[in-house]
Amino acid sequence: MAFTMSSTCNSSSCDDKVLSSVKKVLARYKKPQTQELYEELVKLTREKCEELLKDSKGKEIKGVVQGRVKKYDSLKKKLGDLEEDHVKEHDLKKGLKKKLTDLENDPKYNLTEYGTLKEKVKELEGEKDPNDTPNFRDWVSNEDIYEHPEMGDLAGVRIGLYFPDDVPKVAQMIEEHFDRTWRFGTVTGGRDAIQGRNVDIQEHMNGRWRSQGPDGTDEHWEHYGYKSWQVVVKPLAKHLKLLGEKMDEKGLNSLREKMDEKGLNSLRVEIQVGTVVTQAWAEVQHNIIYKRPADFLATPAMKRMIDAINGLAITTEIMLKELVQNVELVKKEAEAQGRQRFASADEFLQWFQSTYIDQMPAEEGQRWVLNKSSAEELLFIMRLADVQFSTKYTPCPTDFKELIEESRLLQPKTETARYLDISIILRDALPYPEFIMSHFQSLYSELEALYRRESQLRRESQRSFESPLVSDFHRWLCGC
């Protein structure tokens, strides 16, 4: 669509300035050198966004980052559409004012209708919401055309995330790592919710969302369509990379100077953050309904299928959110369970068997022995140390796993050893002073000797014999 001028400006000089600005933008943008500069800008921003996903406080956020430079024909059409929007708004105000004047001159005018029209005119001529996109023509008449928010998508980056709950996180990261110049916020796919109660049976089967089709007719949908978070940003030199090397202020200024030489007084990029599910759906809908492949119009059946797929996409996002919440719940439960102390040496050895030995190749697993006596000694030492010193490690799955993996205990230095006892290896890896370890081991040996003597006496006397000082203490420390 060509950009056409209307007679809506306050003066011909306004028309001339807008037309001149638009012609210059299109002429510059069509040049291959201009496209190359925007490609470079897209590359910088895309790489930074990929880094943000990988370095999210030590936890990678799953997603796909894509970039594109706006095509010349798309920009030409967009500028024409912006002019059309302005004309429509102007014609609407002009029509309402005329109708309002006609009602004022009619002695039998309807007071209710007059009041409604007056409020509508007042609303159109009143102060604009600061979050609304500025009127394009009014802006270009007084400001640099490249500074207008709608011109921020000449270079665009789209971030498609696997999980919906990650969208706010990534949006916040973008705010922190880029200089945001405009916030479009939540942007939907051109569908508006129908307000009020329907009392027309002919419209009963229509969906609750409405949009305008390519031919200007109303289209009704059951679902809201596409949704994403959109902002226009300027890259910050300290956060960017250029051709794999850290980019400094000088490098970013170099790119800015190149664009200024071409008359491109802009270093802005539009970033869209959504989910891969809705982005895939939106791409399919756009190609079938608006691009009209093979020059045919989408049939009502196609539109119903697209709407149904949209419902499935929305349902998929809901299920993914539920899945993430349940995974986090299970993680917390597993963490709480991992902090529970082993009740016995047998329980500890079974845990080591299932967690590590069963995952090893058969030959390697056969080297590890599960010695109950040394396991009881390990638990005894750790329980006693925890009572006396409140040490870092307690005899529970979480602490043992941390000690094994951080100290790489499954790769012992004594590679020549034929058999390996995990209890002894763990005991030797405990960060206790040597004299403490020696004292605990001696105490354990003495307790074991007393316990064996008690068992012998019980067998010899063939009667119940139990010493709280020995048996109970032994069972408490060893978890028996």
Protein backbone atom coordinates (compact mmCIF):
# COMPACT_ATOMS: atom_id res chain seq x y z
CA MET A 1 0.00 0.00 0.00
CA ALA A 2 1.45 3.34 -1.03
CA PHE A 3 1.70 6.13 1.47
CA THR A 4 -0.90 8.78 0.58
CA MET A 5 -1.38 12.18 2.06
CA SER A 6 -4.62 13.38 3.56
CA SER A 7 -5.91 16.85 4.15
CA THR A 8 -5.98 16.37 7.89
CA CYS A 9 -2.91 18.36 8.87
CA ASN A 10 -3.28 21.88 10.13
CA SER A 11 -1.24 23.23 7.20
CA SER A 12 0.33 22.19 3.93
CA SER A 13 3.77 22.49 5.56
CA CYS A 14 2.76 19.67 7.92
CA ASP A 15 1.84 17.48 4.93
CA ASP A 16 5.09 18.34 3.21
CA LYS A 17 7.21 17.47 6.23
CA VAL A 18 5.49 14.13 6.82
CA LEU A 19 5.65 13.16 3.15
CA SER A 20 9.29 14.18 2.93
CA SER A 21 10.21 12.19 6.05
CA VAL A 22 8.43 9.07 4.80
CA LYS A 23 10.01 9.27 1.34
CA LYS A 24 13.49 9.60 2.85
CA VAL A 25 12.93 6.63 5.15
CA LEU A 26 11.74 4.40 2.28
CA ALA A 27 14.55 5.52 -0.04
CA ARG A 28 17.25 4.83 2.56
CA TYR A 29 15.70 1.62 3.78
CA LYS A 30 15.61 0.11 0.29
CA LYS A 31 19.40 0.23 -0.04
CA PRO A 32 21.29 -3.08 0.60
CA GLN A 33 23.79 -1.25 2.83
CA THR A 34 20.93 -0.22 5.11
CA GLN A 35 19.69 -3.79 5.36
CA GLU A 36 23.20 -4.94 6.30
CA LEU A 37 23.42 -2.45 9.17
CA TYR A 38 20.09 -3.58 10.57
CA GLU A 39 21.17 -7.21 10.17
CA GLU A 40 24.20 -6.39 12.31
CA LEU A 41 21.97 -4.73 14.91
CA VAL A 42 19.67 -7.78 14.98
CA LYS A 43 22.66 -10.08 15.38
CA LEU A 44 23.95 -8.12 18.36
CA THR A 45 20.60 -8.15 20.11
CA ARG A 46 19.85 -11.79 19.34
CA GLU A 47 23.19 -12.93 20.76
CA LYS A 48 22.62 -10.92 23.93
CA CYS A 49 19.15 -12.41 24.39
CA GLU A 50 20.59 -15.91 23.94
CA GLU A 51 23.14 -15.12 26.65
CA LEU A 52 20.38 -13.97 28.99
CA LEU A 53 18.55 -17.28 28.62
CA LYS A 54 21.72 -19.27 29.33
CA ASP A 55 22.81 -17.21 32.31
CA SER A 56 19.64 -16.78 34.32
CA LYS A 57 21.14 -16.88 37.82
CA GLY A 58 22.85 -20.19 37.10
CA LYS A 59 19.71 -21.78 35.65
CA GLU A 60 19.13 -21.91 31.90
CA ILE A 61 15.74 -20.81 30.63
CA LYS A 62 14.54 -22.98 27.76
CA GLY A 63 13.64 -21.05 24.65
CA VAL A 64 14.40 -20.11 21.05
CA VAL A 65 15.64 -16.69 19.92
CA GLN A 66 15.07 -15.51 16.37
CA GLY A 67 15.79 -12.24 14.61
CA ARG A 68 14.73 -10.53 11.41
CA VAL A 69 15.03 -7.25 9.55
CA LYS A 70 11.75 -5.80 8.32
CA LYS A 71 11.24 -6.16 4.59
CA TYR A 72 10.95 -3.04 2.48
CA ASP A 73 7.43 -3.86 1.25
CA SER A 74 6.29 -4.48 4.84
CA LEU A 75 7.61 -1.09 5.94
CA LYS A 76 5.92 0.63 2.99
CA LYS A 77 2.59 -1.00 3.84
CA LYS A 78 2.98 -0.20 7.53
CA LEU A 79 3.56 3.50 6.86
CA GLY A 80 0.46 3.51 4.68
CA ASP A 81 -1.56 1.77 7.39
CA LEU A 82 -0.42 4.31 9.97
CA GLU A 83 -1.66 7.09 7.68
CA GLU A 84 -4.97 5.27 7.21
CA ASP A 85 -5.40 4.94 10.97
CA HIS A 86 -4.89 8.67 11.31
CA VAL A 87 -7.42 9.40 8.56
CA LYS A 88 -9.98 7.06 10.15
CA GLU A 89 -9.57 8.72 13.53
CA HIS A 90 -9.88 12.18 11.97
CA ASP A 91 -12.94 11.20 9.91
CA LEU A 92 -14.54 9.65 13.00
CA LYS A 93 -14.11 12.85 15.00
CA LYS A 94 -15.31 14.95 12.06
CA GLY A 95 -18.41 12.77 11.59
CA LEU A 96 -19.30 12.80 15.27
CA LYS A 97 -18.92 16.58 15.46
CA LYS A 98 -21.19 17.06 12.45
CA LYS A 99 -23.81 14.76 13.93
CA LEU A 100 -23.51 16.61 17.24
CA THR A 101 -24.06 19.95 15.44
CA ASP A 102 -27.06 18.56 13.56
CA LEU A 103 -28.60 17.40 16.85
CA GLU A 104 -28.02 20.83 18.42
CA ASN A 105 -29.88 22.45 15.51
CA ASP A 106 -32.76 20.01 15.83
CA PRO A 107 -35.33 21.28 18.39
CA LYS A 108 -36.58 17.72 18.85
CA TYR A 109 -33.15 16.12 19.38
CA ASN A 110 -32.80 13.09 21.62
CA LEU A 111 -31.17 14.21 24.87
CA THR A 112 -29.68 10.77 25.60
CA GLU A 113 -28.15 10.42 22.14
CA TYR A 114 -26.78 13.97 22.34
CA GLY A 115 -25.13 13.29 25.70
CA THR A 116 -23.56 10.06 24.42
CA LEU A 117 -22.13 11.76 21.32
CA LYS A 118 -20.79 14.66 23.34
CA GLU A 119 -18.97 12.29 25.70
CA LYS A 120 -17.51 10.39 22.73
CA VAL A 121 -16.19 13.58 21.12
CA LYS A 122 -14.77 14.71 24.46
CA GLU A 123 -13.07 11.34 24.85
CA LEU A 124 -11.51 11.51 21.36
CA GLU A 125 -10.26 15.06 21.86
CA GLY A 126 -9.21 14.60 25.47
CA GLU A 127 -5.80 13.79 26.89
CA LYS A 128 -4.30 10.57 25.60
CA ASP A 129 -3.23 7.75 27.86
CA PRO A 130 0.58 8.04 28.17
CA ASN A 131 0.78 4.31 27.42
CA ASP A 132 -1.03 4.74 24.08
CA THR A 133 1.16 4.79 20.98
CA PRO A 134 1.57 8.42 19.81
CA ASN A 135 -0.26 9.47 16.65
CA PHE A 136 2.16 8.87 13.80
CA ARG A 137 1.38 12.00 11.74
CA ASP A 138 1.43 14.32 14.72
CA TRP A 139 4.73 12.81 15.86
CA VAL A 140 6.47 13.08 12.48
CA SER A 141 5.32 16.68 12.19
CA ASN A 142 7.37 17.60 15.27
CA GLU A 143 9.80 14.76 16.05
CA ASP A 144 12.33 12.49 14.37
CA ILE A 145 10.43 9.79 12.50
CA TYR A 146 12.87 7.10 13.72
CA GLU A 147 12.04 7.91 17.32
CA HIS A 148 8.39 6.87 16.89
CA PRO A 149 7.67 3.58 18.73
CA GLU A 150 6.18 1.98 15.60
CA MET A 151 9.53 2.44 13.83
CA GLY A 152 11.26 0.31 16.47
CA ASP A 153 10.54 -2.95 14.63
CA LEU A 154 12.83 -2.32 11.63
CA ALA A 155 15.10 -4.65 13.57
CA GLY A 156 13.19 -7.29 15.49
CA VAL A 157 14.00 -10.13 17.87
CA ARG A 158 11.48 -12.75 18.95
CA ILE A 159 12.00 -14.90 22.04
CA GLY A 160 9.88 -18.05 22.16
CA LEU A 161 9.92 -19.69 25.58
CA TYR A 162 8.94 -23.27 26.39
CA PHE A 163 7.14 -22.40 29.60
CA PRO A 164 4.64 -19.51 30.02
CA ASP A 165 5.81 -18.68 33.56
CA ASP A 166 9.22 -17.72 32.15
CA VAL A 167 7.78 -14.80 30.12
CA PRO A 168 7.71 -12.32 33.08
CA LYS A 169 11.21 -13.41 34.13
CA VAL A 170 12.71 -12.77 30.69
CA ALA A 171 10.79 -9.49 30.34
CA GLN A 172 12.38 -8.29 33.59
CA MET A 173 15.84 -9.37 32.42
CA ILE A 174 15.40 -7.34 29.23
CA GLU A 175 14.52 -4.28 31.32
CA GLU A 176 17.75 -4.76 33.27
CA HIS A 177 20.09 -5.39 30.32
CA PHE A 178 18.78 -2.97 27.68
CA ASP A 179 17.82 0.68 27.54
CA ARG A 180 14.05 0.48 27.00
CA THR A 181 12.65 3.38 24.95
CA TRP A 182 9.04 2.23 24.68
CA ARG A 183 6.86 -0.41 26.30
CA PHE A 184 3.98 -1.74 24.21
CA GLY A 185 3.38 -4.25 27.00
CA THR A 186 0.90 -7.08 26.42
CA VAL A 187 0.04 -7.22 22.73
CA THR A 188 -2.71 -9.49 21.44
CA GLY A 189 -3.39 -10.65 17.90
CA GLY A 190 -5.86 -7.96 16.94
CA ARG A 191 -8.87 -9.55 18.64
CA ASP A 192 -11.11 -7.56 20.95
CA ALA A 193 -13.44 -9.01 23.55
CA ILE A 194 -17.10 -8.33 22.80
CA GLN A 195 -18.57 -6.33 25.65
CA GLY A 196 -22.08 -6.51 27.05
CA ARG A 197 -24.83 -9.08 26.84
CA ASN A 198 -25.92 -10.45 23.46
CA VAL A 199 -29.70 -10.42 22.90
CA ASP A 200 -29.66 -11.31 19.19
CA ILE A 201 -30.27 -15.01 18.55
CA GLN A 202 -28.55 -14.68 15.15
CA GLU A 203 -25.29 -13.88 16.95
CA HIS A 204 -25.67 -16.55 19.61
CA MET A 205 -23.19 -18.91 17.89
CA ASN A 206 -20.52 -16.22 17.47
CA GLY A 207 -17.42 -16.37 19.62
CA ARG A 208 -16.72 -13.78 22.29
CA TRP A 209 -13.71 -12.35 20.44
CA ARG A 210 -13.90 -10.23 17.31
CA SER A 211 -11.42 -8.99 14.71
CA GLN A 212 -11.57 -7.40 11.27
CA GLY A 213 -10.71 -9.63 8.33
CA PRO A 214 -8.55 -8.69 5.33
CA ASP A 215 -11.72 -7.79 3.40
CA GLY A 216 -13.01 -5.52 6.17
CA THR A 217 -15.70 -7.88 7.49
CA ASP A 218 -16.08 -8.83 11.14
CA GLU A 219 -14.70 -12.23 12.16
CA HIS A 220 -15.74 -13.97 15.37
CA TRP A 221 -13.53 -16.28 17.43
CA GLU A 222 -13.87 -18.43 20.53
CA HIS A 223 -10.30 -17.71 21.72
CA TYR A 224 -8.19 -14.60 22.17
CA GLY A 225 -5.46 -15.51 19.65
CA TYR A 226 -1.83 -14.48 19.97
CA LYS A 227 -0.35 -12.80 23.04
CA SER A 228 3.17 -11.54 23.69
CA TRP A 229 5.10 -8.96 25.68
CA GLN A 230 6.67 -6.31 23.44
CA VAL A 231 9.18 -3.53 24.08
CA VAL A 232 11.45 -1.31 21.99
CA VAL A 233 15.01 -1.14 23.31
CA LYS A 234 18.42 0.30 22.56
CA PRO A 235 21.42 -2.01 23.10
CA LEU A 236 23.88 -1.12 25.84
CA ALA A 237 27.52 -1.49 24.83
CA LYS A 238 28.64 -3.12 28.06
CA HIS A 239 26.25 -6.03 27.48
CA LEU A 240 26.84 -6.75 23.79
CA LYS A 241 29.14 -8.94 21.70
CA LEU A 242 30.20 -8.27 18.15
CA LEU A 243 31.51 -11.14 16.04
CA GLY A 244 32.25 -13.19 19.15
CA GLU A 245 34.31 -10.44 20.85
CA LYS A 246 33.31 -8.20 23.74
CA MET A 247 31.95 -5.00 22.32
CA ASP A 248 32.95 -1.76 24.01
CA GLU A 249 31.47 1.73 23.78
CA LYS A 250 33.76 2.52 20.86
CA GLY A 251 32.43 -0.44 18.89
CA LEU A 252 28.81 0.47 19.50
CA ASN A 253 29.49 4.09 18.56
CA SER A 254 31.04 2.85 15.33
CA LEU A 255 27.81 1.09 14.39
CA ARG A 256 25.81 4.14 15.43
CA GLU A 257 28.00 6.39 13.26
CA LYS A 258 27.54 4.07 10.27
CA MET A 259 23.77 4.29 10.67
CA ASP A 260 23.87 8.07 11.12
CA GLU A 261 25.88 8.38 7.89
CA LYS A 262 23.01 6.63 6.12
CA GLY A 263 20.50 8.96 7.74
CA LEU A 264 19.28 6.18 10.06
CA ASN A 265 19.07 8.05 13.33
CA SER A 266 18.05 4.94 15.22
CA LEU A 267 19.64 2.07 17.07
CA ARG A 268 16.39 0.52 18.24
CA VAL A 269 15.19 -3.07 18.29
CA GLU A 270 11.72 -4.41 19.04
CA ILE A 271 11.81 -7.49 21.28
CA GLN A 272 8.80 -9.78 21.53
CA VAL A 273 8.59 -12.32 24.34
CA GLY A 274 6.04 -15.11 24.12
CA THR A 275 5.81 -18.89 24.07
CA VAL A 276 6.87 -21.14 21.21
CA VAL A 277 3.38 -22.65 21.19
CA THR A 278 1.48 -19.42 20.54
CA GLN A 279 4.18 -18.08 18.23
CA ALA A 280 3.91 -21.19 16.04
CA TRP A 281 0.12 -20.84 15.96
CA ALA A 282 0.32 -17.12 15.11
CA GLU A 283 2.70 -17.84 12.22
CA VAL A 284 0.32 -20.41 10.75
CA GLN A 285 -2.71 -18.13 11.17
CA HIS A 286 -0.91 -15.19 9.56
CA ASN A 287 0.22 -17.23 6.56
CA ILE A 288 -3.22 -18.71 5.87
CA ILE A 289 -5.56 -15.81 6.65
CA TYR A 290 -3.56 -12.68 5.88
CA LYS A 291 -0.92 -13.67 3.33
CA ARG A 292 -3.48 -15.59 1.25
CA PRO A 293 -1.31 -18.38 -0.25
CA ALA A 294 -2.06 -19.07 -3.92
CA ASP A 295 -4.31 -16.00 -3.80
CA PHE A 296 -7.28 -17.67 -2.13
CA LEU A 297 -9.34 -16.60 0.86
CA ALA A 298 -9.44 -18.79 3.95
CA THR A 299 -12.72 -20.69 4.11
CA PRO A 300 -14.97 -20.67 7.19
CA ALA A 301 -13.88 -24.26 7.87
CA MET A 302 -10.20 -23.19 7.83
CA LYS A 303 -10.96 -20.37 10.25
CA ARG A 304 -12.78 -22.75 12.59
CA MET A 305 -9.78 -25.10 12.53
CA ILE A 306 -7.40 -22.21 13.20
CA ASP A 307 -9.58 -21.10 16.11
CA ALA A 308 -9.72 -24.66 17.48
CA ILE A 309 -5.93 -24.99 17.24
CA ASN A 310 -5.66 -21.69 19.11
CA GLY A 311 -7.76 -23.24 21.88
CA LEU A 312 -5.41 -26.23 21.97
CA ALA A 313 -2.41 -23.88 22.12
CA ILE A 314 -3.93 -21.99 25.06
CA THR A 315 -4.76 -25.32 26.75
CA THR A 316 -1.17 -26.47 26.17
CA GLU A 317 0.15 -23.35 27.91
CA ILE A 318 -2.17 -23.96 30.86
CA MET A 319 -1.00 -27.58 31.13
CA LEU A 320 2.65 -26.53 30.88
CA LYS A 321 2.13 -24.06 33.74
CA GLU A 322 0.54 -26.82 35.81
CA LEU A 323 3.38 -29.19 34.93
CA VAL A 324 6.04 -26.71 36.05
CA GLN A 325 4.22 -26.07 39.32
CA ASN A 326 3.94 -29.80 40.00
CA VAL A 327 7.60 -30.37 39.14
CA GLU A 328 8.59 -27.67 41.63
CA LEU A 329 6.35 -29.26 44.25
CA VAL A 330 7.93 -32.68 43.70
CA LYS A 331 11.40 -31.09 43.88
CA LYS A 332 10.58 -29.55 47.25
CA GLU A 333 9.24 -32.86 48.52
CA ALA A 334 12.33 -34.67 47.25
CA GLU A 335 14.56 -32.06 48.87
CA ALA A 336 12.75 -32.48 52.18
CA GLN A 337 13.07 -36.25 51.88
CA GLY A 338 16.74 -35.89 51.00
CA ARG A 339 17.31 -34.12 54.31
CA GLN A 340 15.93 -37.03 56.32
CA ARG A 341 18.69 -38.95 58.07
CA PHE A 342 19.34 -42.56 57.31
CA ALA A 343 17.61 -44.72 59.90
CA SER A 344 20.16 -47.52 59.61
CA ALA A 345 23.31 -48.68 57.90
CA ASP A 346 21.20 -50.93 55.66
CA GLU A 347 19.16 -47.95 54.45
CA PHE A 348 22.33 -46.01 53.64
CA LEU A 349 23.83 -48.93 51.71
CA GLN A 350 20.62 -49.47 49.75
CA TRP A 351 20.62 -45.79 48.83
CA PHE A 352 24.21 -45.94 47.58
CA GLN A 353 23.43 -49.12 45.63
CA SER A 354 20.43 -47.61 43.77
CA THR A 355 21.86 -44.12 43.34
CA TYR A 356 25.35 -44.99 42.16
CA ILE A 357 26.31 -48.66 41.80
CA ASP A 358 23.26 -49.57 39.70
CA GLN A 359 24.14 -46.75 37.29
CA MET A 360 27.75 -47.93 36.80
CA PRO A 361 29.03 -50.35 34.18
CA ALA A 362 28.97 -53.91 35.61
CA GLU A 363 32.75 -54.23 35.88
CA GLU A 364 33.09 -50.92 37.75
CA GLY A 365 30.13 -51.64 40.04
CA GLN A 366 31.67 -54.94 41.14
CA ARG A 367 34.60 -53.08 42.70
CA TRP A 368 32.37 -51.46 45.30
CA VAL A 369 31.62 -53.39 48.48
CA LEU A 370 28.73 -52.68 50.86
CA ASN A 371 30.18 -53.34 54.27
CA LYS A 372 27.59 -52.98 57.02
CA SER A 373 30.15 -52.73 59.81
CA SER A 374 32.03 -49.81 58.23
CA ALA A 375 28.68 -48.17 57.36
CA GLU A 376 27.63 -48.35 61.03
CA GLU A 377 30.94 -46.81 62.03
CA LEU A 378 30.42 -43.96 59.52
CA LEU A 379 26.93 -43.20 60.83
CA PHE A 380 28.15 -43.39 64.42
CA ILE A 381 30.93 -40.87 63.81
CA MET A 382 28.67 -38.45 61.94
CA ARG A 383 25.88 -38.60 64.54
CA LEU A 384 28.27 -38.03 67.40
CA ALA A 385 30.05 -35.19 65.58
CA ASP A 386 26.71 -33.54 64.81
CA VAL A 387 25.72 -33.68 68.49
CA GLN A 388 28.98 -32.18 69.69
CA PHE A 389 29.90 -29.75 66.90
CA SER A 390 26.80 -29.09 64.68
CA THR A 391 28.84 -29.93 61.60
CA LYS A 392 28.05 -29.11 57.97
CA TYR A 393 27.38 -32.71 56.98
CA THR A 394 24.69 -34.94 58.45
CA PRO A 395 24.05 -38.60 57.52
CA CYS A 396 21.32 -37.91 54.95
CA PRO A 397 21.06 -38.43 51.15
CA THR A 398 21.49 -34.75 50.27
CA ASP A 399 24.71 -34.26 52.26
CA PHE A 400 26.20 -37.58 51.19
CA LYS A 401 25.47 -36.79 47.54
CA GLU A 402 27.09 -33.37 47.89
CA LEU A 403 30.18 -34.83 49.57
CA ILE A 404 30.51 -37.65 47.02
CA GLU A 405 30.14 -35.44 43.95
CA GLU A 406 32.01 -32.32 45.10
CA SER A 407 34.96 -34.38 46.35
CA ARG A 408 34.71 -36.79 43.40
CA LEU A 409 34.80 -39.76 45.73
CA LEU A 410 33.72 -42.19 43.02
CA GLN A 411 37.09 -41.60 41.40
CA PRO A 412 39.41 -42.56 44.27
CA LYS A 413 43.11 -41.86 44.06
CA THR A 414 43.91 -45.49 44.84
CA GLU A 415 42.98 -46.78 41.38
CA THR A 416 44.95 -49.96 42.04
CA ALA A 417 42.63 -50.97 44.90
CA ARG A 418 40.69 -54.07 43.95
CA TYR A 419 37.71 -53.29 46.20
CA LEU A 420 36.34 -49.97 47.33
CA ASP A 421 34.30 -49.35 50.48
CA ILE A 422 32.18 -46.20 50.18
CA SER A 423 31.73 -45.96 53.95
CA ILE A 424 35.48 -45.80 54.57
CA ILE A 425 35.99 -43.37 51.67
CA LEU A 426 33.26 -41.08 53.02
CA ARG A 427 34.63 -41.31 56.55
CA ASP A 428 38.10 -40.27 55.38
CA ALA A 429 36.62 -37.38 53.38
CA LEU A 430 34.78 -35.85 56.34
CA PRO A 431 36.24 -32.43 57.23
CA TYR A 432 36.95 -33.28 60.87
CA PRO A 433 40.29 -32.74 62.61
CA GLU A 434 42.41 -35.88 62.73
CA PHE A 435 42.46 -36.11 66.54
CA ILE A 436 38.64 -35.89 66.61
CA MET A 437 38.34 -38.69 64.05
CA SER A 438 40.79 -40.79 66.04
CA HIS A 439 38.83 -40.20 69.24
CA PHE A 440 35.51 -41.12 67.59
CA GLN A 441 36.96 -44.28 66.07
CA SER A 442 38.37 -45.38 69.44
CA LEU A 443 35.03 -44.69 71.10
CA TYR A 444 33.24 -46.68 68.43
CA SER A 445 35.63 -49.62 68.84
CA GLU A 446 35.11 -49.65 72.61
CA LEU A 447 31.33 -49.48 72.17
CA GLU A 448 31.43 -52.32 69.66
CA ALA A 449 33.45 -54.44 72.07
CA LEU A 450 30.92 -53.79 74.83
CA TYR A 451 28.05 -54.58 72.49
CA ARG A 452 29.62 -57.88 71.44
CA ARG A 453 30.26 -58.77 75.09
CA GLU A 454 26.62 -58.00 75.90
CA SER A 455 25.44 -60.24 73.06
CA GLN A 456 27.72 -63.05 74.24
CA LEU A 457 26.39 -62.83 77.81
CA ARG A 458 22.81 -62.86 76.54
CA ARG A 459 23.44 -66.02 74.54
CA GLU A 460 25.28 -67.74 77.40
CA SER A 461 22.63 -66.94 80.00
CA GLN A 462 19.79 -67.71 77.55
CA ARG A 463 17.74 -64.93 79.11
CA SER A 464 16.88 -61.38 78.26
CA PHE A 465 19.77 -59.15 79.08
CA GLU A 466 19.80 -55.58 78.01
CA SER A 467 21.92 -52.64 79.13
CA PRO A 468 20.54 -49.18 78.37
CA LEU A 469 24.05 -47.85 78.63
CA VAL A 470 25.27 -50.09 75.83
CA SER A 471 22.43 -51.42 73.64
CA ASP A 472 20.24 -48.34 73.49
CA PHE A 473 23.16 -46.00 73.00
CA HIS A 474 24.55 -48.23 70.28
CA ARG A 475 21.21 -48.41 68.47
CA TRP A 476 20.74 -44.64 68.64
CA LEU A 477 24.17 -43.84 67.24
CA CYS A 478 24.17 -46.47 64.52
CA GLY A 479 20.54 -46.05 63.57
CA CYS A 480 19.71 -49.67 64.32
